[in-house]
C-alpha atoms as a PDB file:
ATOM      1  CA  MET A   1    -115.219 126.492 135.888  1.00  0.00           C
ATOM      2  CA  LEU A   2    -118.239 128.753 135.579  1.00  0.00           C
ATOM      3  CA  GLU A   3    -121.026 128.988 138.119  1.00  0.00           C
ATOM      4  CA  LYS A   4    -124.527 128.223 136.898  1.00  0.00           C
ATOM      5  CA  GLN A   5    -126.439 131.339 135.984  1.00  0.00           C
ATOM      6  CA  PHE A   6    -128.779 132.616 138.704  1.00  0.00           C
ATOM      7  CA  LYS A   7    -132.414 132.076 137.698  1.00  0.00           C
ATOM      8  CA  PRO A   8    -134.611 134.117 140.046  1.00  0.00           C
ATOM      9  CA  ASP A   9    -137.884 132.873 138.524  1.00  0.00           C
ATOM     10  CA  LEU A  10    -137.122 129.248 139.348  1.00  0.00           C
ATOM     11  CA  LEU A  11    -136.076 130.089 142.897  1.00  0.00           C
ATOM     12  CA  TYR A  12    -139.136 132.302 143.386  1.00  0.00           C
ATOM     13  CA  ASN A  13    -141.534 129.549 142.250  1.00  0.00           C
ATOM     14  CA  ARG A  14    -139.867 126.895 144.391  1.00  0.00           C
ATOM     15  CA  VAL A  15    -139.999 129.086 147.509  1.00  0.00           C
ATOM     16  CA  VAL A  16    -143.655 130.042 146.951  1.00  0.00           C
ATOM     17  CA  HIS A  17    -144.711 126.442 146.427  1.00  0.00           C
ATOM     18  CA  PHE A  18    -142.708 125.255 149.435  1.00  0.00           C
ATOM     19  CA  TYR A  19    -144.340 127.745 151.794  1.00  0.00           C
ATOM     20  CA  MET A  20    -147.817 127.202 150.401  1.00  0.00           C
ATOM     21  CA  ASP A  21    -147.701 123.396 150.083  1.00  0.00           C
ATOM     22  CA  LYS A  22    -145.468 122.353 152.967  1.00  0.00           C
ATOM     23  CA  LYS A  23    -145.969 125.142 155.493  1.00  0.00           C
ATOM     24  CA  GLY A  24    -149.594 126.088 154.743  1.00  0.00           C
ATOM     25  CA  TYR A  25    -148.917 129.824 154.334  1.00  0.00           C
ATOM     26  CA  THR A  26    -151.255 132.070 152.377  1.00  0.00           C
ATOM     27  CA  LYS A  27    -150.333 133.003 148.807  1.00  0.00           C
ATOM     28  CA  ASP A  28    -149.570 136.608 149.809  1.00  0.00           C
ATOM     29  CA  LYS A  29    -147.304 135.591 152.704  1.00  0.00           C
ATOM     30  CA  ALA A  30    -145.509 133.030 150.527  1.00  0.00           C
ATOM     31  CA  ASN A  31    -144.957 135.703 147.839  1.00  0.00           C
ATOM     32  CA  GLN A  32    -143.489 138.112 150.418  1.00  0.00           C
ATOM     33  CA  ILE A  33    -141.086 135.462 151.677  1.00  0.00           C
ATOM     34  CA  ALA A  34    -140.087 134.495 148.121  1.00  0.00           C
ATOM     35  CA  GLN A  35    -139.363 138.122 147.199  1.00  0.00           C
ATOM     36  CA  ALA A  36    -137.096 138.503 150.216  1.00  0.00           C
ATOM     37  CA  VAL A  37    -135.259 135.250 149.462  1.00  0.00           C
ATOM     38  CA  VAL A  38    -134.696 136.149 145.795  1.00  0.00           C
ATOM     39  CA  GLN A  39    -133.427 139.645 146.682  1.00  0.00           C
ATOM     40  CA  LYS A  40    -131.016 138.226 149.269  1.00  0.00           C
ATOM     41  CA  GLU A  41    -129.693 135.571 146.873  1.00  0.00           C
ATOM     42  CA  ALA A  42    -129.264 138.109 144.064  1.00  0.00           C
ATOM     43  CA  GLN A  43    -127.267 140.437 146.350  1.00  0.00           C
ATOM     44  CA  ARG A  44    -125.118 137.525 147.472  1.00  0.00           C
ATOM     45  CA  ARG A  45    -124.187 136.786 143.851  1.00  0.00           C
ATOM     46  CA  ILE A  46    -123.238 140.350 142.863  1.00  0.00           C
ATOM     47  CA  CYS A  47    -119.567 141.362 143.000  1.00  0.00           C
ATOM     48  CA  LYS A  48    -119.063 143.999 145.704  1.00  0.00           C
ATOM     49  CA  ASN A  49    -116.190 145.606 143.803  1.00  0.00           C
ATOM     50  CA  GLU A  50    -117.310 149.187 143.062  1.00  0.00           C
ATOM     51  CA  LYS A  51    -115.892 148.988 139.527  1.00  0.00           C
ATOM     52  CA  CYS A  52    -117.620 145.708 138.715  1.00  0.00           C
ATOM     53  CA  LYS A  53    -121.085 144.897 140.164  1.00  0.00           C
ATOM     54  CA  HIS A  54    -121.473 141.878 137.821  1.00  0.00           C
ATOM     55  CA  PHE A  55    -122.980 138.561 138.886  1.00  0.00           C
ATOM     56  CA  SER A  56    -120.733 135.749 140.106  1.00  0.00           C
ATOM     57  CA  HIS A  57    -121.532 133.695 137.011  1.00  0.00           C
ATOM     58  CA  ASP A  58    -119.756 136.419 135.023  1.00  0.00           C
ATOM     59  CA  HIS A  59    -116.512 135.524 136.839  1.00  0.00           C
ATOM     60  CA  ILE A  60    -114.271 132.530 136.281  1.00  0.00           C
ATOM     61  CA  ARG A  61    -114.413 130.303 139.394  1.00  0.00           C
ATOM     62  CA  ASN A  62    -115.944 133.267 141.287  1.00  0.00           C
ATOM     63  CA  THR A  63    -112.484 134.429 142.356  1.00  0.00           C
ATOM     64  CA  GLU A  64    -110.633 135.246 139.172  1.00  0.00           C
ATOM     65  CA  THR A  65    -111.116 137.379 136.094  1.00  0.00           C
ATOM     66  CA  CYS A  66    -114.445 138.950 135.231  1.00  0.00           C
ATOM     67  CA  LEU A  67    -115.749 137.718 131.867  1.00  0.00           C
ATOM     68  CA  VAL A  68    -117.137 141.129 130.885  1.00  0.00           C
ATOM     69  CA  ALA A  69    -114.575 142.535 128.428  1.00  0.00           C
ATOM     70  CA  SER A  70    -114.797 146.178 129.523  1.00  0.00           C
ATOM     71  CA  CYS A  71    -114.559 145.406 133.260  1.00  0.00           C
ATOM     72  CA  GLU A  72    -111.406 146.026 135.315  1.00  0.00           C
ATOM     73  CA  CYS A  73    -112.352 143.576 138.092  1.00  0.00           C
ATOM     74  CA  SER A  74    -109.613 141.036 138.753  1.00  0.00           C
ATOM     75  CA  ARG A  75    -111.190 139.180 141.701  1.00  0.00           C
ATOM     76  CA  PHE A  76    -114.774 138.483 142.780  1.00  0.00           C
ATOM     77  CA  SER A  77    -115.434 140.402 145.989  1.00  0.00           C
ATOM     78  CA  LYS A  78    -117.939 138.996 148.465  1.00  0.00           C
END
């Protein structure tokens, strides 16, 4: 089973709107928070294997074979 592809634009927009609409933050502050959240989520979804560095959605079930043909990664490393 494949993980859904990470879409940073959707996450960014949702975070900005949440902090502006629900929390009453300024647009600049909401943008800063959204940038930090997107960067953290992107890093969380990248394989920590030095030979790989592909996103988790490029791995089967996040723990097995990498789907990139030229990659030697056999397990997703968190």
